[in-house]
Amino acid sequence: MTIGSLSIILILGIVNFVLVLFQLSTGLRWIKVPFGVHRKTGIAFFITASVHGLLGLIVS
């Protein structure tokens, strides 16, 4: 499963890494955002991590 020449699993892994960094920096108040933004990105992280893990299990 690829988009162009990149694996979908790789793309989701990179997106998850960015979302984890954002969640960490907003949770520790390094970046100040409203709580709603922090919550919505947490939900997005949960969804992308679930899809990333499911695709990883299916492919292997």
PDB file of N, CA and C in Angstrom:
ATOM      1  N   MET A   1       0.840  -1.175   0.000  1.00  0.00           N
ATOM      2  CA  MET A   1       0.000   0.000   0.000  1.00  0.00           C
ATOM      3  C   MET A   1       0.888   1.242   0.000  1.00  0.00           C
ATOM      4  N   THR A   2       0.852   1.947  -1.103  1.00  0.00           N
ATOM      5  CA  THR A   2       1.703   3.130  -1.217  1.00  0.00           C
ATOM      6  C   THR A   2       0.933   4.301  -1.811  1.00  0.00           C
ATOM      7  N   ILE A   3       1.396   5.469  -1.506  1.00  0.00           N
ATOM      8  CA  ILE A   3       0.944   6.692  -2.154  1.00  0.00           C
ATOM      9  C   ILE A   3       2.179   7.246  -2.848  1.00  0.00           C
ATOM     10  N   GLY A   4       2.151   7.234  -4.159  1.00  0.00           N
ATOM     11  CA  GLY A   4       3.361   7.574  -4.907  1.00  0.00           C
ATOM     12  C   GLY A   4       4.369   6.474  -4.674  1.00  0.00           C
ATOM     13  N   SER A   5       5.473   6.807  -4.050  1.00  0.00           N
ATOM     14  CA  SER A   5       6.468   5.780  -3.728  1.00  0.00           C
ATOM     15  C   SER A   5       6.616   5.586  -2.221  1.00  0.00           C
ATOM     16  N   LEU A   6       5.781   6.284  -1.420  1.00  0.00           N
ATOM     17  CA  LEU A   6       5.866   6.187   0.036  1.00  0.00           C
ATOM     18  C   LEU A   6       4.783   5.265   0.585  1.00  0.00           C
ATOM     19  N   SER A   7       5.142   4.491   1.560  1.00  0.00           N
ATOM     20  CA  SER A   7       4.207   3.598   2.217  1.00  0.00           C
ATOM     21  C   SER A   7       3.214   4.398   3.062  1.00  0.00           C
ATOM     22  N   ILE A   8       1.961   3.986   3.056  1.00  0.00           N
ATOM     23  CA  ILE A   8       0.940   4.641   3.878  1.00  0.00           C
ATOM     24  C   ILE A   8       1.287   4.493   5.352  1.00  0.00           C
ATOM     25  N   ILE A   9       1.839   3.359   5.719  1.00  0.00           N
ATOM     26  CA  ILE A   9       2.218   3.123   7.115  1.00  0.00           C
ATOM     27  C   ILE A   9       3.320   4.090   7.535  1.00  0.00           C
ATOM     28  N   LEU A  10       4.277   4.333   6.659  1.00  0.00           N
ATOM     29  CA  LEU A  10       5.343   5.291   6.953  1.00  0.00           C
ATOM     30  C   LEU A  10       4.785   6.705   7.108  1.00  0.00           C
ATOM     31  N   ILE A  11       3.889   7.085   6.213  1.00  0.00           N
ATOM     32  CA  ILE A  11       3.288   8.417   6.280  1.00  0.00           C
ATOM     33  C   ILE A  11       2.529   8.589   7.594  1.00  0.00           C
ATOM     34  N   LEU A  12       1.723   7.585   7.974  1.00  0.00           N
ATOM     35  CA  LEU A  12       0.976   7.670   9.232  1.00  0.00           C
ATOM     36  C   LEU A  12       1.916   7.684  10.435  1.00  0.00           C
ATOM     37  N   GLY A  13       3.031   6.990  10.349  1.00  0.00           N
ATOM     38  CA  GLY A  13       4.009   7.010  11.431  1.00  0.00           C
ATOM     39  C   GLY A  13       4.618   8.386  11.623  1.00  0.00           C
ATOM     40  N   ILE A  14       4.913   9.061  10.530  1.00  0.00           N
ATOM     41  CA  ILE A  14       5.461  10.412  10.609  1.00  0.00           C
ATOM     42  C   ILE A  14       4.411  11.376  11.154  1.00  0.00           C
ATOM     43  N   VAL A  15       3.167  11.244  10.700  1.00  0.00           N
ATOM     44  CA  VAL A  15       2.081  12.090  11.211  1.00  0.00           C
ATOM     45  C   VAL A  15       1.903  11.859  12.708  1.00  0.00           C
ATOM     46  N   ASN A  16       1.955  10.601  13.143  1.00  0.00           N
ATOM     47  CA  ASN A  16       1.828  10.286  14.567  1.00  0.00           C
ATOM     48  C   ASN A  16       2.956  10.908  15.383  1.00  0.00           C
ATOM     49  N   PHE A  17       4.160  10.871  14.854  1.00  0.00           N
ATOM     50  CA  PHE A  17       5.293  11.472  15.562  1.00  0.00           C
ATOM     51  C   PHE A  17       5.099  12.968  15.745  1.00  0.00           C
ATOM     52  N   VAL A  18       4.632  13.643  14.692  1.00  0.00           N
ATOM     53  CA  VAL A  18       4.373  15.080  14.782  1.00  0.00           C
ATOM     54  C   VAL A  18       3.259  15.361  15.787  1.00  0.00           C
ATOM     55  N   LEU A  19       2.202  14.540  15.768  1.00  0.00           N
ATOM     56  CA  LEU A  19       1.109  14.736  16.718  1.00  0.00           C
ATOM     57  C   LEU A  19       1.558  14.483  18.158  1.00  0.00           C
ATOM     58  N   VAL A  20       2.425  13.510  18.375  1.00  0.00           N
ATOM     59  CA  VAL A  20       2.943  13.263  19.725  1.00  0.00           C
ATOM     60  C   VAL A  20       3.768  14.465  20.196  1.00  0.00           C
ATOM     61  N   LEU A  21       4.608  14.991  19.329  1.00  0.00           N
ATOM     62  CA  LEU A  21       5.398  16.168  19.699  1.00  0.00           C
ATOM     63  C   LEU A  21       4.501  17.361  20.020  1.00  0.00           C
ATOM     64  N   PHE A  22       3.444  17.538  19.231  1.00  0.00           N
ATOM     65  CA  PHE A  22       2.515  18.641  19.481  1.00  0.00           C
ATOM     66  C   PHE A  22       1.785  18.439  20.810  1.00  0.00           C
ATOM     67  N   GLN A  23       1.311  17.221  21.067  1.00  0.00           N
ATOM     68  CA  GLN A  23       0.611  16.935  22.314  1.00  0.00           C
ATOM     69  C   GLN A  23       1.527  17.163  23.516  1.00  0.00           C
ATOM     70  N   LEU A  24       2.758  16.730  23.404  1.00  0.00           N
ATOM     71  CA  LEU A  24       3.716  16.913  24.490  1.00  0.00           C
ATOM     72  C   LEU A  24       3.998  18.384  24.738  1.00  0.00           C
ATOM     73  N   SER A  25       4.226  19.125  23.669  1.00  0.00           N
ATOM     74  CA  SER A  25       4.562  20.536  23.842  1.00  0.00           C
ATOM     75  C   SER A  25       3.376  21.362  24.334  1.00  0.00           C
ATOM     76  N   THR A  26       2.156  21.008  23.945  1.00  0.00           N
ATOM     77  CA  THR A  26       1.003  21.739  24.458  1.00  0.00           C
ATOM     78  C   THR A  26       0.646  21.299  25.870  1.00  0.00           C
ATOM     79  N   GLY A  27       0.855  20.037  26.176  1.00  0.00           N
ATOM     80  CA  GLY A  27       0.578  19.555  27.528  1.00  0.00           C
ATOM     81  C   GLY A  27       1.526  20.127  28.558  1.00  0.00           C
ATOM     82  N   LEU A  28       2.776  20.329  28.164  1.00  0.00           N
ATOM     83  CA  LEU A  28       3.769  20.925  29.069  1.00  0.00           C
ATOM     84  C   LEU A  28       3.779  22.454  28.990  1.00  0.00           C
ATOM     85  N   ARG A  29       2.871  23.016  28.210  1.00  0.00           N
ATOM     86  CA  ARG A  29       2.700  24.460  28.053  1.00  0.00           C
ATOM     87  C   ARG A  29       3.894  25.148  27.401  1.00  0.00           C
ATOM     88  N   TRP A  30       4.648  24.400  26.582  1.00  0.00           N
ATOM     89  CA  TRP A  30       5.700  25.036  25.797  1.00  0.00           C
ATOM     90  C   TRP A  30       5.058  25.862  24.681  1.00  0.00           C
ATOM     91  N   ILE A  31       3.961  25.326  24.134  1.00  0.00           N
ATOM     92  CA  ILE A  31       3.149  26.035  23.151  1.00  0.00           C
ATOM     93  C   ILE A  31       1.785  26.226  23.796  1.00  0.00           C
ATOM     94  N   LYS A  32       1.297  27.437  23.805  1.00  0.00           N
ATOM     95  CA  LYS A  32       0.019  27.706  24.456  1.00  0.00           C
ATOM     96  C   LYS A  32      -1.096  27.708  23.415  1.00  0.00           C
ATOM     97  N   VAL A  33      -1.999  26.744  23.559  1.00  0.00           N
ATOM     98  CA  VAL A  33      -3.176  26.646  22.694  1.00  0.00           C
ATOM     99  C   VAL A  33      -4.386  26.413  23.586  1.00  0.00           C
ATOM    100  N   PRO A  34      -5.579  26.713  23.098  1.00  0.00           N
ATOM    101  CA  PRO A  34      -6.774  26.411  23.880  1.00  0.00           C
ATOM    102  C   PRO A  34      -6.917  24.898  24.099  1.00  0.00           C
ATOM    103  N   PHE A  35      -7.619  24.542  25.175  1.00  0.00           N
ATOM    104  CA  PHE A  35      -7.777  23.126  25.506  1.00  0.00           C
ATOM    105  C   PHE A  35      -8.491  22.368  24.394  1.00  0.00           C
ATOM    106  N   GLY A  36      -9.405  23.025  23.704  1.00  0.00           N
ATOM    107  CA  GLY A  36     -10.135  22.371  22.617  1.00  0.00           C
ATOM    108  C   GLY A  36      -9.217  21.898  21.507  1.00  0.00           C
ATOM    109  N   VAL A  37      -8.206  22.682  21.189  1.00  0.00           N
ATOM    110  CA  VAL A  37      -7.232  22.291  20.157  1.00  0.00           C
ATOM    111  C   VAL A  37      -6.431  21.081  20.627  1.00  0.00           C
ATOM    112  N   HIS A  38      -6.017  21.111  21.888  1.00  0.00           N
ATOM    113  CA  HIS A  38      -5.259  20.002  22.458  1.00  0.00           C
ATOM    114  C   HIS A  38      -6.095  18.720  22.425  1.00  0.00           C
ATOM    115  N   ARG A  39      -7.365  18.840  22.763  1.00  0.00           N
ATOM    116  CA  ARG A  39      -8.255  17.672  22.771  1.00  0.00           C
ATOM    117  C   ARG A  39      -8.491  17.134  21.367  1.00  0.00           C
ATOM    118  N   LYS A  40      -8.719  18.025  20.397  1.00  0.00           N
ATOM    119  CA  LYS A  40      -8.975  17.585  19.019  1.00  0.00           C
ATOM    120  C   LYS A  40      -7.746  16.921  18.402  1.00  0.00           C
ATOM    121  N   THR A  41      -6.562  17.432  18.684  1.00  0.00           N
ATOM    122  CA  THR A  41      -5.359  16.785  18.159  1.00  0.00           C
ATOM    123  C   THR A  41      -5.116  15.449  18.860  1.00  0.00           C
ATOM    124  N   GLY A  42      -5.531  15.330  20.117  1.00  0.00           N
ATOM    125  CA  GLY A  42      -5.443  14.039  20.802  1.00  0.00           C
ATOM    126  C   GLY A  42      -6.345  13.000  20.157  1.00  0.00           C
ATOM    127  N   ILE A  43      -7.543  13.419  19.771  1.00  0.00           N
ATOM    128  CA  ILE A  43      -8.469  12.516  19.073  1.00  0.00           C
ATOM    129  C   ILE A  43      -7.906  12.136  17.712  1.00  0.00           C
ATOM    130  N   ALA A  44      -7.351  13.112  17.000  1.00  0.00           N
ATOM    131  CA  ALA A  44      -6.733  12.828  15.698  1.00  0.00           C
ATOM    132  C   ALA A  44      -5.561  11.871  15.856  1.00  0.00           C
ATOM    133  N   PHE A  45      -4.786  12.048  16.916  1.00  0.00           N
ATOM    134  CA  PHE A  45      -3.662  11.145  17.180  1.00  0.00           C
ATOM    135  C   PHE A  45      -4.156   9.723  17.439  1.00  0.00           C
ATOM    136  N   PHE A  46      -5.219   9.586  18.219  1.00  0.00           N
ATOM    137  CA  PHE A  46      -5.777   8.261  18.494  1.00  0.00           C
ATOM    138  C   PHE A  46      -6.233   7.575  17.210  1.00  0.00           C
ATOM    139  N   ILE A  47      -6.903   8.313  16.344  1.00  0.00           N
ATOM    140  CA  ILE A  47      -7.404   7.726  15.097  1.00  0.00           C
ATOM    141  C   ILE A  47      -6.252   7.332  14.180  1.00  0.00           C
ATOM    142  N   THR A  48      -5.294   8.230  13.979  1.00  0.00           N
ATOM    143  CA  THR A  48      -4.184   7.897  13.081  1.00  0.00           C
ATOM    144  C   THR A  48      -3.307   6.782  13.648  1.00  0.00           C
ATOM    145  N   ALA A  49      -3.134   6.738  14.961  1.00  0.00           N
ATOM    146  CA  ALA A  49      -2.342   5.661  15.564  1.00  0.00           C
ATOM    147  C   ALA A  49      -3.066   4.324  15.423  1.00  0.00           C
ATOM    148  N   SER A  50      -4.378   4.335  15.553  1.00  0.00           N
ATOM    149  CA  SER A  50      -5.151   3.099  15.387  1.00  0.00           C
ATOM    150  C   SER A  50      -5.061   2.580  13.950  1.00  0.00           C
ATOM    151  N   VAL A  51      -5.215   3.473  12.982  1.00  0.00           N
ATOM    152  CA  VAL A  51      -5.108   3.066  11.580  1.00  0.00           C
ATOM    153  C   VAL A  51      -3.697   2.598  11.267  1.00  0.00           C
ATOM    154  N   HIS A  52      -2.696   3.304  11.778  1.00  0.00           N
ATOM    155  CA  HIS A  52      -1.298   2.938  11.580  1.00  0.00           C
ATOM    156  C   HIS A  52      -1.027   1.534  12.135  1.00  0.00           C
ATOM    157  N   GLY A  53      -1.488   1.261  13.329  1.00  0.00           N
ATOM    158  CA  GLY A  53      -1.293  -0.060  13.922  1.00  0.00           C
ATOM    159  C   GLY A  53      -2.044  -1.153  13.196  1.00  0.00           C
ATOM    160  N   LEU A  54      -3.282  -0.871  12.805  1.00  0.00           N
ATOM    161  CA  LEU A  54      -4.088  -1.858  12.085  1.00  0.00           C
ATOM    162  C   LEU A  54      -3.466  -2.206  10.748  1.00  0.00           C
ATOM    163  N   LEU A  55      -3.024  -1.199  10.019  1.00  0.00           N
ATOM    164  CA  LEU A  55      -2.360  -1.464   8.733  1.00  0.00           C
ATOM    165  C   LEU A  55      -1.049  -2.226   8.931  1.00  0.00           C
ATOM    166  N   GLY A  56      -0.336  -1.914   9.993  1.00  0.00           N
ATOM    167  CA  GLY A  56       0.903  -2.643  10.282  1.00  0.00           C
ATOM    168  C   GLY A  56       0.637  -4.115  10.557  1.00  0.00           C
ATOM    169  N   LEU A  57      -0.449  -4.401  11.261  1.00  0.00           N
ATOM    170  CA  LEU A  57      -0.802  -5.804  11.527  1.00  0.00           C
ATOM    171  C   LEU A  57      -1.264  -6.527  10.271  1.00  0.00           C
ATOM    172  N   ILE A  58      -2.015  -5.843   9.441  1.00  0.00           N
ATOM    173  CA  ILE A  58      -2.529  -6.457   8.212  1.00  0.00           C
ATOM    174  C   ILE A  58      -1.395  -6.777   7.250  1.00  0.00           C
ATOM    175  N   VAL A  59      -0.457  -5.849   7.102  1.00  0.00           N
ATOM    176  CA  VAL A  59       0.631  -6.023   6.130  1.00  0.00           C
ATOM    177  C   VAL A  59       1.612  -7.112   6.559  1.00  0.00           C
ATOM    178  N   SER A  60       1.879  -7.204   7.870  1.00  0.00           N
ATOM    179  CA  SER A  60       2.879  -8.176   8.314  1.00  0.00           C
ATOM    180  C   SER A  60       2.329  -9.526   8.540  1.00  0.00           C
TER     181      SER A  60
END
